[in-house]
Amino acid sequence: MRLLAILIALTAGPVLAETVIATRTIRPQEIIMPGDVRLDQAEVSGAFQNVEEVIGQEARFALYPGRAIMRGAVGEPAVVDRNQVVELIYSQGGLRIIAEGRSLGRGGVGERIRVMNTGSRTVLFGEIAPNGSVIVSK
């Protein structure tokens, strides 16, 4: 029994974690497809370790082949582009106000962006809804 434990300890090498690596240059705002990434036997702190977490996400900046894909380098695909006309919705209690606005940033569902009310030229912050409208708060 003791001999078996010694043999296992001697033959077992260090276990490396897997890291998601780009297989080609992925440009900013490009959606990542299954052939664009692979797993590599390396441990990179702050990098994705699961391919499923990256596929379908949008590159925030250029990702280069052979390099690990770090958290923060990808995110939900944008549903609102900069300078896009959007519907602004303010809701509190029984009051609901809908106005036209222009986005001052780009973002995906759930992200906060700056928007300008085109009627009053007031700049507000809001959260992007799944339908592309922006829910503004006080």
Protein backbone atom coordinates (compact mmCIF):
# COMPACT_ATOMS: atom_id res chain seq x y z
CA MET A 1 0.00 0.00 0.00
CA ARG A 2 2.80 2.34 0.93
CA LEU A 3 4.65 1.54 -2.29
CA LEU A 4 1.55 2.34 -4.34
CA ALA A 5 1.24 5.76 -2.70
CA ILE A 6 4.92 6.51 -3.41
CA LEU A 7 4.55 5.47 -7.08
CA ILE A 8 1.49 7.67 -7.53
CA ALA A 9 3.28 10.64 -5.95
CA LEU A 10 6.34 10.16 -8.18
CA THR A 11 4.43 9.77 -11.46
CA ALA A 12 1.90 12.53 -10.92
CA GLY A 13 3.10 15.76 -12.50
CA PRO A 14 1.83 19.25 -11.85
CA VAL A 15 -1.71 19.80 -13.01
CA LEU A 16 -2.14 22.85 -15.21
CA ALA A 17 -5.39 24.67 -15.62
CA GLU A 18 -6.81 25.23 -19.07
CA THR A 19 -7.01 28.71 -20.51
CA VAL A 20 -9.06 30.01 -23.44
CA ILE A 21 -6.78 31.17 -26.28
CA ALA A 22 -7.68 33.07 -29.47
CA THR A 23 -6.92 31.11 -32.66
CA ARG A 24 -7.03 34.16 -34.96
CA THR A 25 -7.13 37.93 -34.70
CA ILE A 26 -10.56 38.94 -33.42
CA ARG A 27 -11.38 42.55 -34.13
CA PRO A 28 -13.23 44.85 -31.69
CA GLN A 29 -17.04 44.54 -31.80
CA GLU A 30 -16.78 41.11 -33.48
CA ILE A 31 -18.84 38.21 -32.11
CA ILE A 32 -16.67 35.26 -31.03
CA MET A 33 -17.51 31.97 -32.79
CA PRO A 34 -16.50 28.40 -31.77
CA GLY A 35 -13.62 28.25 -34.29
CA ASP A 36 -12.12 31.50 -32.97
CA VAL A 37 -10.99 30.04 -29.63
CA ARG A 38 -9.46 26.90 -28.15
CA LEU A 39 -8.32 25.59 -24.78
CA ASP A 40 -4.61 25.52 -24.01
CA GLN A 41 -2.80 23.82 -21.12
CA ALA A 42 -1.66 26.94 -19.30
CA GLU A 43 -2.59 28.81 -16.18
CA VAL A 44 -3.06 32.53 -16.77
CA SER A 45 -4.43 34.54 -13.88
CA GLY A 46 -7.56 36.49 -14.85
CA ALA A 47 -8.16 34.56 -18.08
CA PHE A 48 -11.24 32.56 -19.05
CA GLN A 49 -11.00 28.83 -18.39
CA ASN A 50 -14.20 27.75 -20.12
CA VAL A 51 -14.81 28.17 -23.87
CA GLU A 52 -18.60 28.34 -23.39
CA GLU A 53 -18.21 31.58 -21.41
CA VAL A 54 -16.56 33.28 -24.41
CA ILE A 55 -18.53 31.97 -27.42
CA GLY A 56 -21.28 34.39 -28.46
CA GLN A 57 -19.66 37.30 -26.63
CA GLU A 58 -18.38 40.45 -28.31
CA ALA A 59 -14.71 41.46 -28.28
CA ARG A 60 -14.25 44.82 -26.53
CA PHE A 61 -10.83 45.31 -28.18
CA ALA A 62 -8.55 43.36 -30.53
CA LEU A 63 -7.69 39.82 -29.41
CA TYR A 64 -4.58 38.27 -30.94
CA PRO A 65 -3.88 34.62 -31.83
CA GLY A 66 -2.04 32.57 -29.24
CA ARG A 67 -2.89 34.95 -26.41
CA ALA A 68 -5.18 34.23 -23.48
CA ILE A 69 -8.59 35.89 -23.47
CA MET A 70 -8.81 37.88 -20.26
CA ARG A 71 -11.95 38.69 -18.33
CA GLY A 72 -13.07 42.16 -19.37
CA ALA A 73 -11.84 41.65 -22.93
CA VAL A 74 -15.27 40.37 -23.98
CA GLY A 75 -18.84 41.22 -23.05
CA GLU A 76 -22.45 40.93 -24.06
CA PRO A 77 -23.06 41.93 -27.70
CA ALA A 78 -24.10 45.56 -28.06
CA VAL A 79 -27.75 46.31 -28.79
CA VAL A 80 -27.26 50.08 -28.82
CA ASP A 81 -24.62 51.88 -30.86
CA ARG A 82 -23.20 55.35 -30.30
CA ASN A 83 -25.39 58.13 -31.76
CA GLN A 84 -28.32 55.75 -32.22
CA VAL A 85 -31.80 57.15 -31.67
CA VAL A 86 -33.30 55.33 -28.69
CA GLU A 87 -36.51 55.39 -26.69
CA LEU A 88 -35.99 56.82 -23.19
CA ILE A 89 -38.32 55.45 -20.53
CA TYR A 90 -38.77 56.91 -17.06
CA SER A 91 -41.10 55.04 -14.75
CA GLN A 92 -41.95 55.66 -11.10
CA GLY A 93 -45.14 54.63 -9.36
CA GLY A 94 -48.01 55.19 -11.81
CA LEU A 95 -46.05 57.74 -13.87
CA ARG A 96 -44.46 56.63 -17.13
CA ILE A 97 -42.71 59.10 -19.45
CA ILE A 98 -41.41 58.08 -22.87
CA ALA A 99 -39.18 60.41 -24.88
CA GLU A 100 -36.78 60.24 -27.80
CA GLY A 101 -33.08 60.28 -27.06
CA ARG A 102 -29.69 59.73 -28.61
CA SER A 103 -27.16 57.34 -27.13
CA LEU A 104 -23.79 58.83 -26.27
CA GLY A 105 -22.20 55.42 -25.91
CA ARG A 106 -22.39 51.82 -27.03
CA GLY A 107 -23.48 48.89 -24.90
CA GLY A 108 -25.23 45.61 -24.33
CA VAL A 109 -28.27 44.64 -22.29
CA GLY A 110 -27.96 45.73 -18.67
CA GLU A 111 -25.10 48.16 -19.22
CA ARG A 112 -25.34 51.80 -18.12
CA ILE A 113 -24.76 54.41 -20.82
CA ARG A 114 -25.11 58.14 -21.19
CA VAL A 115 -28.03 59.32 -23.31
CA MET A 116 -29.24 62.75 -24.36
CA ASN A 117 -32.91 63.69 -24.39
CA THR A 118 -33.26 65.20 -27.88
CA GLY A 119 -36.09 67.50 -26.79
CA SER A 120 -34.38 69.13 -23.82
CA ARG A 121 -30.72 68.34 -24.65
CA THR A 122 -30.35 67.02 -21.09
CA VAL A 123 -27.75 64.28 -20.60
CA LEU A 124 -28.89 61.36 -18.46
CA PHE A 125 -27.71 57.91 -17.48
CA GLY A 126 -29.75 54.84 -18.19
CA GLU A 127 -29.69 51.07 -18.37
CA ILE A 128 -30.15 49.33 -21.70
CA ALA A 129 -33.22 47.10 -21.87
CA PRO A 130 -33.39 43.93 -24.02
CA ASN A 131 -35.51 45.71 -26.64
CA GLY A 132 -32.92 48.49 -27.11
CA SER A 133 -34.76 51.16 -25.14
CA VAL A 134 -32.99 52.90 -22.24
CA ILE A 135 -34.51 52.97 -18.76
CA VAL A 136 -33.49 56.26 -17.16
CA SER A 137 -33.42 57.05 -13.46
CA LYS A 138 -33.36 60.25 -11.44
